[in-house]
């Protein structure tokens, strides 16, 4: 799987990455995820979490991590990156043109770093 720059990730890639973290955490908590669902996700054949239909299903996951709550971007040197910002626990800011995208970037960076891997075609 190729690495991507988190700051340039598309909505589809952000959604895939949050889903990947969700499945990883489910496995650690010994929550059963059907093998075919996990395989299809890892191949990039599913869009987002196949267990739900709400496009913003990731919000409850992100809101559990209060450090990802977005705010207005007040950094003059980063205004071109988006009007919203969210921070990782280490204090690294991630930006987006919506509060949701900024929060997703900070959440993903916390668990997968600044250059996560995604399947081809996602």
Protein backbone atom coordinates (compact mmCIF):
# COMPACT_ATOMS: atom_id res chain seq x y z
CA UNK A 1 0.00 0.00 0.00
CA UNK A 2 1.36 3.43 -0.85
CA UNK A 3 1.91 6.11 1.77
CA UNK A 4 0.03 9.40 1.51
CA UNK A 5 0.57 12.82 3.04
CA UNK A 6 -2.17 13.27 5.62
CA UNK A 7 -2.49 16.97 4.85
CA UNK A 8 -3.43 16.11 1.25
CA UNK A 9 -5.67 13.10 1.96
CA UNK A 10 -9.04 13.02 0.20
CA UNK A 11 -12.31 12.56 2.06
CA UNK A 12 -12.42 8.94 0.93
CA UNK A 13 -8.90 8.30 2.23
CA UNK A 14 -9.67 9.98 5.56
CA UNK A 15 -12.78 7.85 5.96
CA UNK A 16 -10.86 4.67 5.09
CA UNK A 17 -8.15 5.49 7.64
CA UNK A 18 -10.63 6.18 10.48
CA UNK A 19 -12.30 2.87 9.65
CA UNK A 20 -8.93 1.10 9.77
CA UNK A 21 -8.28 2.52 13.26
CA UNK A 22 -11.81 1.45 14.30
CA UNK A 23 -11.15 -2.15 13.17
CA UNK A 24 -7.74 -2.18 14.88
CA UNK A 25 -9.27 -1.01 18.18
CA UNK A 26 -12.14 -3.51 17.84
CA UNK A 27 -9.62 -6.35 17.46
CA UNK A 28 -7.73 -5.17 20.55
CA UNK A 29 -10.98 -5.19 22.54
CA UNK A 30 -11.75 -8.65 21.14
CA UNK A 31 -14.83 -7.40 19.30
CA UNK A 32 -15.63 -9.72 16.41
CA UNK A 33 -15.33 -8.24 12.94
CA UNK A 34 -16.30 -10.56 10.10
CA UNK A 35 -13.25 -11.69 8.16
CA UNK A 36 -14.79 -10.88 4.77
CA UNK A 37 -15.58 -7.32 5.95
CA UNK A 38 -12.01 -6.77 7.14
CA UNK A 39 -10.54 -8.30 3.96
CA UNK A 40 -12.74 -6.15 1.69
CA UNK A 41 -11.84 -3.04 3.68
CA UNK A 42 -8.09 -3.71 3.53
CA UNK A 43 -8.31 -4.22 -0.25
CA UNK A 44 -10.05 -0.85 -0.58
CA UNK A 45 -13.28 -2.44 -1.80
CA UNK A 46 -15.48 -0.76 0.82
CA UNK A 47 -16.07 2.93 1.36
CA UNK A 48 -16.02 3.79 5.04
CA UNK A 49 -17.49 1.56 7.73
CA UNK A 50 -19.62 -1.12 6.06
CA UNK A 51 -21.59 -1.69 9.26
CA UNK A 52 -23.28 1.71 9.12
CA UNK A 53 -24.76 3.97 6.45
CA UNK A 54 -24.27 7.37 8.12
CA UNK A 55 -21.59 9.26 6.22
CA UNK A 56 -20.43 10.92 9.45
CA UNK A 57 -20.25 7.74 11.51
CA UNK A 58 -16.72 8.66 12.57
CA UNK A 59 -17.81 11.68 14.68
CA UNK A 60 -18.66 9.64 17.81
CA UNK A 61 -15.26 7.94 17.64
CA UNK A 62 -13.46 11.25 17.26
CA UNK A 63 -15.51 12.97 19.98
CA UNK A 64 -14.43 10.33 22.50
CA UNK A 65 -10.96 11.79 22.08
CA UNK A 66 -11.59 15.32 23.31
CA UNK A 67 -8.19 16.48 22.08
CA UNK A 68 -9.47 16.18 18.50
CA UNK A 69 -12.30 18.67 19.00
CA UNK A 70 -11.89 21.30 16.28
CA UNK A 71 -11.49 25.03 16.65
CA UNK A 72 -11.13 27.98 14.34
CA UNK A 73 -7.69 28.24 12.77
CA UNK A 74 -6.09 31.39 14.18
CA UNK A 75 -2.55 30.66 12.96
CA UNK A 76 -1.82 33.36 10.32
CA UNK A 77 0.88 31.21 8.75
CA UNK A 78 -1.50 28.27 8.23
CA UNK A 79 -4.72 29.97 7.10
CA UNK A 80 -4.13 28.68 3.56
CA UNK A 81 -4.48 25.12 4.93
CA UNK A 82 -8.08 25.61 6.04
CA UNK A 83 -10.18 27.63 8.43
CA UNK A 84 -10.36 24.87 11.08
CA UNK A 85 -7.68 23.23 13.21
CA UNK A 86 -7.49 20.25 15.57
CA UNK A 87 -4.54 19.02 17.62
CA UNK A 88 -3.01 15.68 18.51
CA UNK A 89 -2.19 14.93 22.16
CA UNK A 90 1.38 15.98 21.35
CA UNK A 91 0.16 19.42 20.28
CA UNK A 92 0.65 19.03 16.53
CA UNK A 93 -2.01 20.95 14.61
CA UNK A 94 -3.84 19.56 11.59
CA UNK A 95 -6.04 21.71 9.39
CA UNK A 96 -9.03 21.38 7.12
CA UNK A 97 -11.70 23.32 5.31
CA UNK A 98 -14.26 21.76 7.67
CA UNK A 99 -14.10 20.98 11.37
CA UNK A 100 -14.70 17.31 10.55
CA UNK A 101 -11.70 17.08 8.19
CA UNK A 102 -9.39 18.81 10.69
CA UNK A 103 -10.50 16.44 13.46
CA UNK A 104 -10.11 13.37 11.24
CA UNK A 105 -6.56 14.38 10.33
CA UNK A 106 -5.56 14.89 13.99
CA UNK A 107 -7.21 11.61 15.00
CA UNK A 108 -5.51 9.63 12.23
CA UNK A 109 -2.12 11.24 12.88
CA UNK A 110 -2.30 10.21 16.52
CA UNK A 111 -2.58 6.53 15.64
CA UNK A 112 -0.95 6.23 12.22
CA UNK A 113 1.45 9.15 11.87
CA UNK A 114 1.72 11.84 9.21
CA UNK A 115 2.16 9.43 6.28
CA UNK A 116 -0.28 6.54 6.65
CA UNK A 117 -0.69 3.79 4.06
CA UNK A 118 -3.90 3.32 2.09
CA UNK A 119 -4.76 0.78 -0.62
CA UNK A 120 -4.45 1.70 -4.30
CA UNK A 121 -7.61 3.30 -5.62
CA UNK A 122 -8.80 4.72 -2.29
